[in-house]
PDB file of N, CA and C in Angstrom:
ATOM      1  N   MET A   1       9.679 -97.012  55.277  1.00  0.00           N
ATOM      2  CA  MET A   1      10.420 -97.423  56.450  1.00  0.00           C
ATOM      3  C   MET A   1      10.725 -98.918  56.425  1.00  0.00           C
ATOM      4  N   ASN A   2       9.756 -99.714  55.989  1.00  0.00           N
ATOM      5  CA  ASN A   2       9.931-101.159  55.919  1.00  0.00           C
ATOM      6  C   ASN A   2      11.037-101.512  54.926  1.00  0.00           C
ATOM      7  N   THR A   3      11.053-100.827  53.783  1.00  0.00           N
ATOM      8  CA  THR A   3      12.071-101.086  52.766  1.00  0.00           C
ATOM      9  C   THR A   3      13.459-100.739  53.300  1.00  0.00           C
ATOM     10  N   THR A   4      13.553 -99.654  54.041  1.00  0.00           N
ATOM     11  CA  THR A   4      14.831 -99.249  54.620  1.00  0.00           C
ATOM     12  C   THR A   4      15.351-100.305  55.590  1.00  0.00           C
ATOM     13  N   LEU A   5      14.473-100.855  56.401  1.00  0.00           N
ATOM     14  CA  LEU A   5      14.883-101.900  57.346  1.00  0.00           C
ATOM     15  C   LEU A   5      15.349-103.158  56.616  1.00  0.00           C
ATOM     16  N   ILE A   6      14.670-103.500  55.543  1.00  0.00           N
ATOM     17  CA  ILE A   6      15.068-104.679  54.759  1.00  0.00           C
ATOM     18  C   ILE A   6      16.450-104.467  54.162  1.00  0.00           C
ATOM     19  N   ILE A   7      16.693-103.289  53.587  1.00  0.00           N
ATOM     20  CA  ILE A   7      17.995-102.995  52.989  1.00  0.00           C
ATOM     21  C   ILE A   7      19.086-102.998  54.053  1.00  0.00           C
ATOM     22  N   LEU A   8      18.827-102.380  55.197  1.00  0.00           N
ATOM     23  CA  LEU A   8      19.806-102.387  56.283  1.00  0.00           C
ATOM     24  C   LEU A   8      20.082-103.805  56.784  1.00  0.00           C
ATOM     25  N   GLY A   9      19.041-104.616  56.898  1.00  0.00           N
ATOM     26  CA  GLY A   9      19.221-106.007  57.313  1.00  0.00           C
ATOM     27  C   GLY A   9      20.074-106.789  56.332  1.00  0.00           C
ATOM     28  N   MET A  10      19.808-106.614  55.040  1.00  0.00           N
ATOM     29  CA  MET A  10      20.614-107.303  54.028  1.00  0.00           C
ATOM     30  C   MET A  10      22.058-106.835  54.065  1.00  0.00           C
ATOM     31  N   ALA A  11      22.273-105.528  54.280  1.00  0.00           N
ATOM     32  CA  ALA A  11      23.633-104.989  54.357  1.00  0.00           C
ATOM     33  C   ALA A  11      24.383-105.572  55.551  1.00  0.00           C
ATOM     34  N   ILE A  12      23.706-105.662  56.690  1.00  0.00           N
ATOM     35  CA  ILE A  12      24.346-106.212  57.894  1.00  0.00           C
ATOM     36  C   ILE A  12      24.699-107.676  57.697  1.00  0.00           C
ATOM     37  N   ILE A  13      23.781-108.443  57.138  1.00  0.00           N
ATOM     38  CA  ILE A  13      24.046-109.869  56.906  1.00  0.00           C
ATOM     39  C   ILE A  13      25.206-110.049  55.937  1.00  0.00           C
ATOM     40  N   THR A  14      25.209-109.275  54.848  1.00  0.00           N
ATOM     41  CA  THR A  14      26.294-109.369  53.877  1.00  0.00           C
ATOM     42  C   THR A  14      27.625-109.002  54.521  1.00  0.00           C
ATOM     43  N   PHE A  15      27.639-107.926  55.306  1.00  0.00           N
ATOM     44  CA  PHE A  15      28.866-107.512  55.990  1.00  0.00           C
ATOM     45  C   PHE A  15      29.357-108.601  56.933  1.00  0.00           C
ATOM     46  N   LEU A  16      28.459-109.183  57.714  1.00  0.00           N
ATOM     47  CA  LEU A  16      28.862-110.216  58.669  1.00  0.00           C
ATOM     48  C   LEU A  16      29.437-111.446  57.970  1.00  0.00           C
ATOM     49  N   ILE A  17      28.819-111.851  56.863  1.00  0.00           N
ATOM     50  CA  ILE A  17      29.324-113.024  56.131  1.00  0.00           C
ATOM     51  C   ILE A  17      30.739-112.755  55.632  1.00  0.00           C
ATOM     52  N   LYS A  18      30.944-111.587  55.043  1.00  0.00           N
ATOM     53  CA  LYS A  18      32.277-111.253  54.527  1.00  0.00           C
ATOM     54  C   LYS A  18      33.271-111.056  55.664  1.00  0.00           C
ATOM     55  N   ALA A  19      32.845-110.453  56.755  1.00  0.00           N
ATOM     56  CA  ALA A  19      33.738-110.224  57.893  1.00  0.00           C
ATOM     57  C   ALA A  19      34.191-111.542  58.507  1.00  0.00           C
ATOM     58  N   ILE A  20      33.289-112.492  58.619  1.00  0.00           N
ATOM     59  CA  ILE A  20      33.652-113.798  59.188  1.00  0.00           C
ATOM     60  C   ILE A  20      34.712-114.474  58.340  1.00  0.00           C
ATOM     61  N   ILE A  21      34.570-114.379  57.026  1.00  0.00           N
ATOM     62  CA  ILE A  21      35.564-115.004  56.142  1.00  0.00           C
ATOM     63  C   ILE A  21      36.921-114.334  56.312  1.00  0.00           C
ATOM     64  N   PHE A  22      36.947-112.993  56.418  1.00  0.00           N
ATOM     65  CA  PHE A  22      38.216-112.298  56.606  1.00  0.00           C
ATOM     66  C   PHE A  22      38.810-112.545  57.987  1.00  0.00           C
ATOM     67  N   ILE A  23      37.978-112.592  59.004  1.00  0.00           N
ATOM     68  CA  ILE A  23      38.473-112.791  60.366  1.00  0.00           C
ATOM     69  C   ILE A  23      39.050-114.192  60.531  1.00  0.00           C
ATOM     70  N   LEU A  24      38.338-115.182  60.044  1.00  0.00           N
ATOM     71  CA  LEU A  24      38.800-116.561  60.212  1.00  0.00           C
ATOM     72  C   LEU A  24      39.942-116.891  59.258  1.00  0.00           C
ATOM     73  N   GLY A  25      39.965-116.242  58.101  1.00  0.00           N
ATOM     74  CA  GLY A  25      41.085-116.376  57.178  1.00  0.00           C
ATOM     75  C   GLY A  25      41.430-117.800  56.807  1.00  0.00           C
ATOM     76  N   ASP A  26      42.667-118.182  57.092  1.00  0.00           N
ATOM     77  CA  ASP A  26      43.184-119.491  56.700  1.00  0.00           C
ATOM     78  C   ASP A  26      42.732-120.626  57.611  1.00  0.00           C
ATOM     79  N   ARG A  27      42.014-120.291  58.665  1.00  0.00           N
ATOM     80  CA  ARG A  27      41.555-121.345  59.575  1.00  0.00           C
ATOM     81  C   ARG A  27      40.421-122.171  58.980  1.00  0.00           C
ATOM     82  N   ILE A  28      39.759-121.630  57.971  1.00  0.00           N
ATOM     83  CA  ILE A  28      38.702-122.386  57.298  1.00  0.00           C
ATOM     84  C   ILE A  28      39.303-123.064  56.077  1.00  0.00           C
ATOM     85  N   VAL A  29      39.115-124.356  55.973  1.00  0.00           N
ATOM     86  CA  VAL A  29      39.633-125.112  54.836  1.00  0.00           C
ATOM     87  C   VAL A  29      38.450-125.770  54.141  1.00  0.00           C
ATOM     88  N   PHE A  30      38.280-125.440  52.871  1.00  0.00           N
ATOM     89  CA  PHE A  30      37.202-126.040  52.091  1.00  0.00           C
ATOM     90  C   PHE A  30      37.673-127.354  51.488  1.00  0.00           C
ATOM     91  N   SER A  31      36.753-128.286  51.381  1.00  0.00           N
ATOM     92  CA  SER A  31      37.081-129.552  50.733  1.00  0.00           C
ATOM     93  C   SER A  31      37.231-129.316  49.226  1.00  0.00           C
ATOM     94  N   ASP A  32      37.822-130.291  48.558  1.00  0.00           N
ATOM     95  CA  ASP A  32      38.012-130.173  47.114  1.00  0.00           C
ATOM     96  C   ASP A  32      36.671-130.072  46.390  1.00  0.00           C
ATOM     97  N   LEU A  33      35.681-130.809  46.876  1.00  0.00           N
ATOM     98  CA  LEU A  33      34.351-130.758  46.267  1.00  0.00           C
ATOM     99  C   LEU A  33      33.742-129.365  46.411  1.00  0.00           C
ATOM    100  N   MET A  34      33.889-128.751  47.575  1.00  0.00           N
ATOM    101  CA  MET A  34      33.359-127.406  47.811  1.00  0.00           C
ATOM    102  C   MET A  34      34.074-126.379  46.938  1.00  0.00           C
ATOM    103  N   LYS A  35      35.391-126.494  46.806  1.00  0.00           N
ATOM    104  CA  LYS A  35      36.154-125.587  45.946  1.00  0.00           C
ATOM    105  C   LYS A  35      35.691-125.705  44.498  1.00  0.00           C
ATOM    106  N   LYS A  36      35.461-126.942  44.060  1.00  0.00           N
ATOM    107  CA  LYS A  36      34.997-127.158  42.686  1.00  0.00           C
ATOM    108  C   LYS A  36      33.601-126.571  42.502  1.00  0.00           C
ATOM    109  N   ALA A  37      32.725-126.759  43.483  1.00  0.00           N
ATOM    110  CA  ALA A  37      31.360-126.226  43.402  1.00  0.00           C
ATOM    111  C   ALA A  37      31.372-124.705  43.395  1.00  0.00           C
ATOM    112  N   LEU A  38      32.212-124.081  44.210  1.00  0.00           N
ATOM    113  CA  LEU A  38      32.291-122.623  44.246  1.00  0.00           C
ATOM    114  C   LEU A  38      32.839-122.046  42.945  1.00  0.00           C
ATOM    115  N   GLY A  39      33.576-122.841  42.200  1.00  0.00           N
ATOM    116  CA  GLY A  39      34.080-122.397  40.903  1.00  0.00           C
ATOM    117  C   GLY A  39      32.969-122.179  39.883  1.00  0.00           C
ATOM    118  N   PHE A  40      31.826-122.816  40.090  1.00  0.00           N
ATOM    119  CA  PHE A  40      30.702-122.668  39.162  1.00  0.00           C
ATOM    120  C   PHE A  40      29.784-121.497  39.506  1.00  0.00           C
ATOM    121  N   VAL A  41      29.979-120.875  40.640  1.00  0.00           N
ATOM    122  CA  VAL A  41      29.088-119.797  41.081  1.00  0.00           C
ATOM    123  C   VAL A  41      29.071-118.615  40.101  1.00  0.00           C
ATOM    124  N   PRO A  42      30.224-118.081  39.651  1.00  0.00           N
ATOM    125  CA  PRO A  42      30.164-116.943  38.725  1.00  0.00           C
ATOM    126  C   PRO A  42      29.420-117.256  37.427  1.00  0.00           C
ATOM    127  N   VAL A  43      29.651-118.433  36.873  1.00  0.00           N
ATOM    128  CA  VAL A  43      28.973-118.813  35.627  1.00  0.00           C
ATOM    129  C   VAL A  43      27.468-118.928  35.852  1.00  0.00           C
ATOM    130  N   THR A  44      27.089-119.497  36.965  1.00  0.00           N
ATOM    131  CA  THR A  44      25.673-119.668  37.277  1.00  0.00           C
ATOM    132  C   THR A  44      24.977-118.328  37.476  1.00  0.00           C
ATOM    133  N   VAL A  45      25.607-117.430  38.198  1.00  0.00           N
ATOM    134  CA  VAL A  45      25.010-116.114  38.444  1.00  0.00           C
ATOM    135  C   VAL A  45      24.906-115.327  37.149  1.00  0.00           C
ATOM    136  N   LEU A  46      25.960-115.348  36.345  1.00  0.00           N
ATOM    137  CA  LEU A  46      25.931-114.637  35.064  1.00  0.00           C
ATOM    138  C   LEU A  46      24.847-115.190  34.147  1.00  0.00           C
ATOM    139  N   THR A  47      24.691-116.494  34.115  1.00  0.00           N
ATOM    140  CA  THR A  47      23.638-117.111  33.308  1.00  0.00           C
ATOM    141  C   THR A  47      22.259-116.695  33.801  1.00  0.00           C
ATOM    142  N   ALA A  48      22.075-116.658  35.104  1.00  0.00           N
ATOM    143  CA  ALA A  48      20.782-116.259  35.668  1.00  0.00           C
ATOM    144  C   ALA A  48      20.443-114.808  35.352  1.00  0.00           C
ATOM    145  N   ILE A  49      21.445-113.980  35.157  1.00  0.00           N
ATOM    146  CA  ILE A  49      21.205-112.583  34.807  1.00  0.00           C
ATOM    147  C   ILE A  49      20.955-112.422  33.313  1.00  0.00           C
ATOM    148  N   ILE A  50      21.731-113.107  32.483  1.00  0.00           N
ATOM    149  CA  ILE A  50      21.701-112.879  31.039  1.00  0.00           C
ATOM    150  C   ILE A  50      20.520-113.558  30.351  1.00  0.00           C
ATOM    151  N   VAL A  51      20.205-114.791  30.696  1.00  0.00           N
ATOM    152  CA  VAL A  51      19.165-115.534  29.980  1.00  0.00           C
ATOM    153  C   VAL A  51      17.806-114.830  29.998  1.00  0.00           C
ATOM    154  N   PRO A  52      17.335-114.312  31.125  1.00  0.00           N
ATOM    155  CA  PRO A  52      16.052-113.587  31.063  1.00  0.00           C
ATOM    156  C   PRO A  52      16.101-112.349  30.177  1.00  0.00           C
ATOM    157  N   MET A  53      17.266-111.678  30.123  1.00  0.00           N
ATOM    158  CA  MET A  53      17.387-110.498  29.258  1.00  0.00           C
ATOM    159  C   MET A  53      17.365-110.874  27.786  1.00  0.00           C
ATOM    160  N   ILE A  54      17.802-112.068  27.458  1.00  0.00           N
ATOM    161  CA  ILE A  54      17.790-112.520  26.064  1.00  0.00           C
ATOM    162  C   ILE A  54      16.407-113.009  25.674  1.00  0.00           C
ATOM    163  N   LEU A  55      15.791-113.811  26.515  1.00  0.00           N
ATOM    164  CA  LEU A  55      14.514-114.425  26.164  1.00  0.00           C
ATOM    165  C   LEU A  55      13.313-113.497  26.342  1.00  0.00           C
ATOM    166  N   ALA A  56      13.401-112.569  27.285  1.00  0.00           N
ATOM    167  CA  ALA A  56      12.298-111.631  27.535  1.00  0.00           C
ATOM    168  C   ALA A  56      12.866-110.223  27.668  1.00  0.00           C
ATOM    169  N   PRO A  57      13.332-109.634  26.564  1.00  0.00           N
ATOM    170  CA  PRO A  57      14.031-108.351  26.654  1.00  0.00           C
ATOM    171  C   PRO A  57      13.177-107.186  27.141  1.00  0.00           C
ATOM    172  N   HIS A  58      11.878-107.256  26.973  1.00  0.00           N
ATOM    173  CA  HIS A  58      11.006-106.170  27.406  1.00  0.00           C
ATOM    174  C   HIS A  58      10.251-106.514  28.686  1.00  0.00           C
ATOM    175  N   GLY A  59      10.504-107.675  29.241  1.00  0.00           N
ATOM    176  CA  GLY A  59       9.878-108.077  30.488  1.00  0.00           C
ATOM    177  C   GLY A  59       8.403-108.412  30.365  1.00  0.00           C
ATOM    178  N   GLN A  60       7.919-108.603  29.160  1.00  0.00           N
ATOM    179  CA  GLN A  60       6.498-108.867  28.938  1.00  0.00           C
ATOM    180  C   GLN A  60       6.245-110.301  28.492  1.00  0.00           C
ATOM    181  N   GLY A  61       7.098-111.207  28.811  1.00  0.00           N
ATOM    182  CA  GLY A  61       6.964-112.590  28.364  1.00  0.00           C
ATOM    183  C   GLY A  61       8.069-112.919  27.378  1.00  0.00           C
ATOM    184  N   MET A  62       8.164-114.187  27.069  1.00  0.00           N
ATOM    185  CA  MET A  62       9.254-114.633  26.197  1.00  0.00           C
ATOM    186  C   MET A  62       9.003-114.224  24.747  1.00  0.00           C
ATOM    187  N   GLU A  63      10.076-113.783  24.091  1.00  0.00           N
ATOM    188  CA  GLU A  63      10.021-113.405  22.681  1.00  0.00           C
ATOM    189  C   GLU A  63      10.948-114.328  21.905  1.00  0.00           C
ATOM    190  N   LEU A  64      10.424-115.470  21.518  1.00  0.00           N
ATOM    191  CA  LEU A  64      11.222-116.466  20.804  1.00  0.00           C
ATOM    192  C   LEU A  64      10.960-116.360  19.310  1.00  0.00           C
ATOM    193  N   SER A  65      11.414-115.263  18.704  1.00  0.00           N
ATOM    194  CA  SER A  65      11.220-115.074  17.273  1.00  0.00           C
ATOM    195  C   SER A  65      12.459-114.423  16.679  1.00  0.00           C
ATOM    196  N   TRP A  66      12.512-114.387  15.375  1.00  0.00           N
ATOM    197  CA  TRP A  66      13.632-113.772  14.685  1.00  0.00           C
ATOM    198  C   TRP A  66      13.621-112.254  14.845  1.00  0.00           C
ATOM    199  N   ARG A  67      12.548-111.685  15.372  1.00  0.00           N
ATOM    200  CA  ARG A  67      12.459-110.242  15.586  1.00  0.00           C
ATOM    201  C   ARG A  67      13.076-109.805  16.920  1.00  0.00           C
ATOM    202  N   ASN A  68      13.624-110.731  17.663  1.00  0.00           N
ATOM    203  CA  ASN A  68      14.285-110.443  18.934  1.00  0.00           C
ATOM    204  C   ASN A  68      15.796-110.361  18.673  1.00  0.00           C
ATOM    205  N   PRO A  69      16.353-109.136  18.577  1.00  0.00           N
ATOM    206  CA  PRO A  69      17.781-109.021  18.257  1.00  0.00           C
ATOM    207  C   PRO A  69      18.695-109.621  19.326  1.00  0.00           C
ATOM    208  N   GLN A  70      18.277-109.609  20.589  1.00  0.00           N
ATOM    209  CA  GLN A  70      19.089-110.210  21.640  1.00  0.00           C
ATOM    210  C   GLN A  70      19.215-111.720  21.443  1.00  0.00           C
ATOM    211  N   LEU A  71      18.116-112.356  21.087  1.00  0.00           N
ATOM    212  CA  LEU A  71      18.130-113.805  20.881  1.00  0.00           C
ATOM    213  C   LEU A  71      18.966-114.178  19.657  1.00  0.00           C
ATOM    214  N   VAL A  72      18.818-113.430  18.575  1.00  0.00           N
ATOM    215  CA  VAL A  72      19.581-113.712  17.351  1.00  0.00           C
ATOM    216  C   VAL A  72      21.074-113.515  17.620  1.00  0.00           C
ATOM    217  N   ALA A  73      21.430-112.403  18.270  1.00  0.00           N
ATOM    218  CA  ALA A  73      22.842-112.124  18.559  1.00  0.00           C
ATOM    219  C   ALA A  73      23.433-113.161  19.511  1.00  0.00           C
ATOM    220  N   ALA A  74      22.674-113.566  20.509  1.00  0.00           N
ATOM    221  CA  ALA A  74      23.167-114.579  21.448  1.00  0.00           C
ATOM    222  C   ALA A  74      23.386-115.918  20.754  1.00  0.00           C
ATOM    223  N   THR A  75      22.488-116.269  19.847  1.00  0.00           N
ATOM    224  CA  THR A  75      22.634-117.523  19.102  1.00  0.00           C
ATOM    225  C   THR A  75      23.891-117.494  18.245  1.00  0.00           C
ATOM    226  N   VAL A  76      24.112-116.375  17.559  1.00  0.00           N
ATOM    227  CA  VAL A  76      25.324-116.234  16.739  1.00  0.00           C
ATOM    228  C   VAL A  76      26.573-116.256  17.628  1.00  0.00           C
ATOM    229  N   ALA A  77      26.527-115.563  18.764  1.00  0.00           N
ATOM    230  CA  ALA A  77      27.676-115.534  19.669  1.00  0.00           C
ATOM    231  C   ALA A  77      27.999-116.928  20.203  1.00  0.00           C
ATOM    232  N   ILE A  78      26.982-117.704  20.507  1.00  0.00           N
ATOM    233  CA  ILE A  78      27.217-119.080  20.962  1.00  0.00           C
ATOM    234  C   ILE A  78      27.893-119.890  19.866  1.00  0.00           C
ATOM    235  N   GLY A  79      27.431-119.713  18.625  1.00  0.00           N
ATOM    236  CA  GLY A  79      28.053-120.416  17.500  1.00  0.00           C
ATOM    237  C   GLY A  79      29.497-120.010  17.287  1.00  0.00           C
ATOM    238  N   VAL A  80      29.766-118.709  17.342  1.00  0.00           N
ATOM    239  CA  VAL A  80      31.141-118.221  17.165  1.00  0.00           C
ATOM    240  C   VAL A  80      32.035-118.745  18.283  1.00  0.00           C
ATOM    241  N   CYS A  81      31.529-118.744  19.497  1.00  0.00           N
ATOM    242  CA  CYS A  81      32.304-119.250  20.631  1.00  0.00           C
ATOM    243  C   CYS A  81      32.606-120.739  20.472  1.00  0.00           C
ATOM    244  N   ALA A  82      31.614-121.493  20.013  1.00  0.00           N
ATOM    245  CA  ALA A  82      31.811-122.935  19.839  1.00  0.00           C
ATOM    246  C   ALA A  82      32.856-123.228  18.766  1.00  0.00           C
ATOM    247  N   VAL A  83      32.885-122.396  17.719  1.00  0.00           N
ATOM    248  CA  VAL A  83      33.814-122.631  16.613  1.00  0.00           C
ATOM    249  C   VAL A  83      35.211-122.102  16.920  1.00  0.00           C
ATOM    250  N   THR A  84      35.293-120.848  17.392  1.00  0.00           N
ATOM    251  CA  THR A  84      36.608-120.212  17.559  1.00  0.00           C
ATOM    252  C   THR A  84      37.200-120.375  18.950  1.00  0.00           C
ATOM    253  N   ARG A  85      36.363-120.511  19.978  1.00  0.00           N
ATOM    254  CA  ARG A  85      36.809-120.561  21.383  1.00  0.00           C
ATOM    255  C   ARG A  85      37.623-119.318  21.731  1.00  0.00           C
ATOM    256  N   HIS A  86      37.278-118.185  21.099  1.00  0.00           N
ATOM    257  CA  HIS A  86      38.002-116.935  21.302  1.00  0.00           C
ATOM    258  C   HIS A  86      37.028-115.888  21.834  1.00  0.00           C
ATOM    259  N   GLN A  87      37.298-115.375  23.019  1.00  0.00           N
ATOM    260  CA  GLN A  87      36.363-114.494  23.706  1.00  0.00           C
ATOM    261  C   GLN A  87      36.137-113.182  22.959  1.00  0.00           C
ATOM    262  N   LEU A  88      37.187-112.573  22.449  1.00  0.00           N
ATOM    263  CA  LEU A  88      37.051-111.290  21.768  1.00  0.00           C
ATOM    264  C   LEU A  88      36.224-111.420  20.499  1.00  0.00           C
ATOM    265  N   TRP A  89      36.464-112.479  19.723  1.00  0.00           N
ATOM    266  CA  TRP A  89      35.677-112.668  18.491  1.00  0.00           C
ATOM    267  C   TRP A  89      34.215-112.936  18.812  1.00  0.00           C
ATOM    268  N   THR A  90      33.966-113.614  19.892  1.00  0.00           N
ATOM    269  CA  THR A  90      32.587-113.874  20.309  1.00  0.00           C
ATOM    270  C   THR A  90      31.874-112.561  20.644  1.00  0.00           C
ATOM    271  N   ILE A  91      32.542-111.698  21.391  1.00  0.00           N
ATOM    272  CA  ILE A  91      31.946-110.410  21.763  1.00  0.00           C
ATOM    273  C   ILE A  91      31.722-109.543  20.522  1.00  0.00           C
ATOM    274  N   ILE A  92      32.720-109.482  19.664  1.00  0.00           N
ATOM    275  CA  ILE A  92      32.598-108.661  18.446  1.00  0.00           C
ATOM    276  C   ILE A  92      31.456-109.164  17.578  1.00  0.00           C
ATOM    277  N   ALA A  93      31.383-110.464  17.362  1.00  0.00           N
ATOM    278  CA  ALA A  93      30.321-111.023  16.519  1.00  0.00           C
ATOM    279  C   ALA A  93      28.947-110.784  17.142  1.00  0.00           C
ATOM    280  N   GLY A  94      28.820-110.995  18.430  1.00  0.00           N
ATOM    281  CA  GLY A  94      27.540-110.786  19.098  1.00  0.00           C
ATOM    282  C   GLY A  94      27.076-109.341  19.002  1.00  0.00           C
ATOM    283  N   LEU A  95      27.972-108.400  19.257  1.00  0.00           N
ATOM    284  CA  LEU A  95      27.608-106.987  19.172  1.00  0.00           C
ATOM    285  C   LEU A  95      27.293-106.566  17.744  1.00  0.00           C
ATOM    286  N   ALA A  96      28.091-107.045  16.787  1.00  0.00           N
ATOM    287  CA  ALA A  96      27.849-106.688  15.385  1.00  0.00           C
ATOM    288  C   ALA A  96      26.486-107.194  14.923  1.00  0.00           C
ATOM    289  N   VAL A  97      26.166-108.429  15.258  1.00  0.00           N
ATOM    290  CA  VAL A  97      24.866-108.983  14.857  1.00  0.00           C
ATOM    291  C   VAL A  97      23.738-108.261  15.576  1.00  0.00           C
ATOM    292  N   PHE A  98      23.904-107.985  16.858  1.00  0.00           N
ATOM    293  CA  PHE A  98      22.857-107.311  17.617  1.00  0.00           C
ATOM    294  C   PHE A  98      22.539-105.945  17.016  1.00  0.00           C
ATOM    295  N   PHE A  99      23.562-105.104  16.801  1.00  0.00           N
ATOM    296  CA  PHE A  99      23.298-103.764  16.312  1.00  0.00           C
ATOM    297  C   PHE A  99      22.831-103.748  14.859  1.00  0.00           C
ATOM    298  N   SER A 100      23.383-104.630  14.031  1.00  0.00           N
ATOM    299  CA  SER A 100      22.909-104.670  12.630  1.00  0.00           C
ATOM    300  C   SER A 100      21.487-105.221  12.554  1.00  0.00           C
ATOM    301  N   TRP A 101      21.150-106.197  13.374  1.00  0.00           N
ATOM    302  CA  TRP A 101      19.795-106.762  13.382  1.00  0.00           C
ATOM    303  C   TRP A 101      18.793-105.715  13.877  1.00  0.00           C
ATOM    304  N   GLN A 102      19.182-104.978  14.886  1.00  0.00           N
ATOM    305  CA  GLN A 102      18.315-103.937  15.409  1.00  0.00           C
ATOM    306  C   GLN A 102      18.121-102.826  14.366  1.00  0.00           C
ATOM    307  N   PHE A 103      19.160-102.497  13.623  1.00  0.00           N
ATOM    308  CA  PHE A 103      19.082-101.485  12.572  1.00  0.00           C
ATOM    309  C   PHE A 103      18.164-101.957  11.442  1.00  0.00           C
ATOM    310  N   MET A 104      18.266-103.243  11.086  1.00  0.00           N
ATOM    311  CA  MET A 104      17.420-103.769   9.995  1.00  0.00           C
ATOM    312  C   MET A 104      15.947-103.809  10.385  1.00  0.00           C
ATOM    313  N   LEU A 105      15.651-104.026  11.653  1.00  0.00           N
ATOM    314  CA  LEU A 105      14.258-104.106  12.099  1.00  0.00           C
ATOM    315  C   LEU A 105      13.606-102.737  12.260  1.00  0.00           C
ATOM    316  N   ALA A 106      14.426-101.707  12.419  1.00  0.00           N
ATOM    317  CA  ALA A 106      13.872-100.361  12.648  1.00  0.00           C
ATOM    318  C   ALA A 106      13.349 -99.722  11.376  1.00  0.00           C
TER     319      ALA A 106
END
């Protein structure tokens, strides 16, 4: 019952925040600094989700070794991105390294 109330409370708060933005519409004007700061939100959230999955893939502490295929693939993907600046090649290289590394370790 307690969990249900927490979920309902979070749903109501989320709905109200979004409803206020839609209701007020163009009457709210963000400063340039706020607009710039809000531009970093997606990158920050994505980083907060991905980094723990790379560093601790099994949730049992950090695995900073060559036996961690997520870490090896992410390192290669970062390198490919830095060199090519091409999103598709970065994804292809990361997936190829991840699956081949996982196959070699099995």
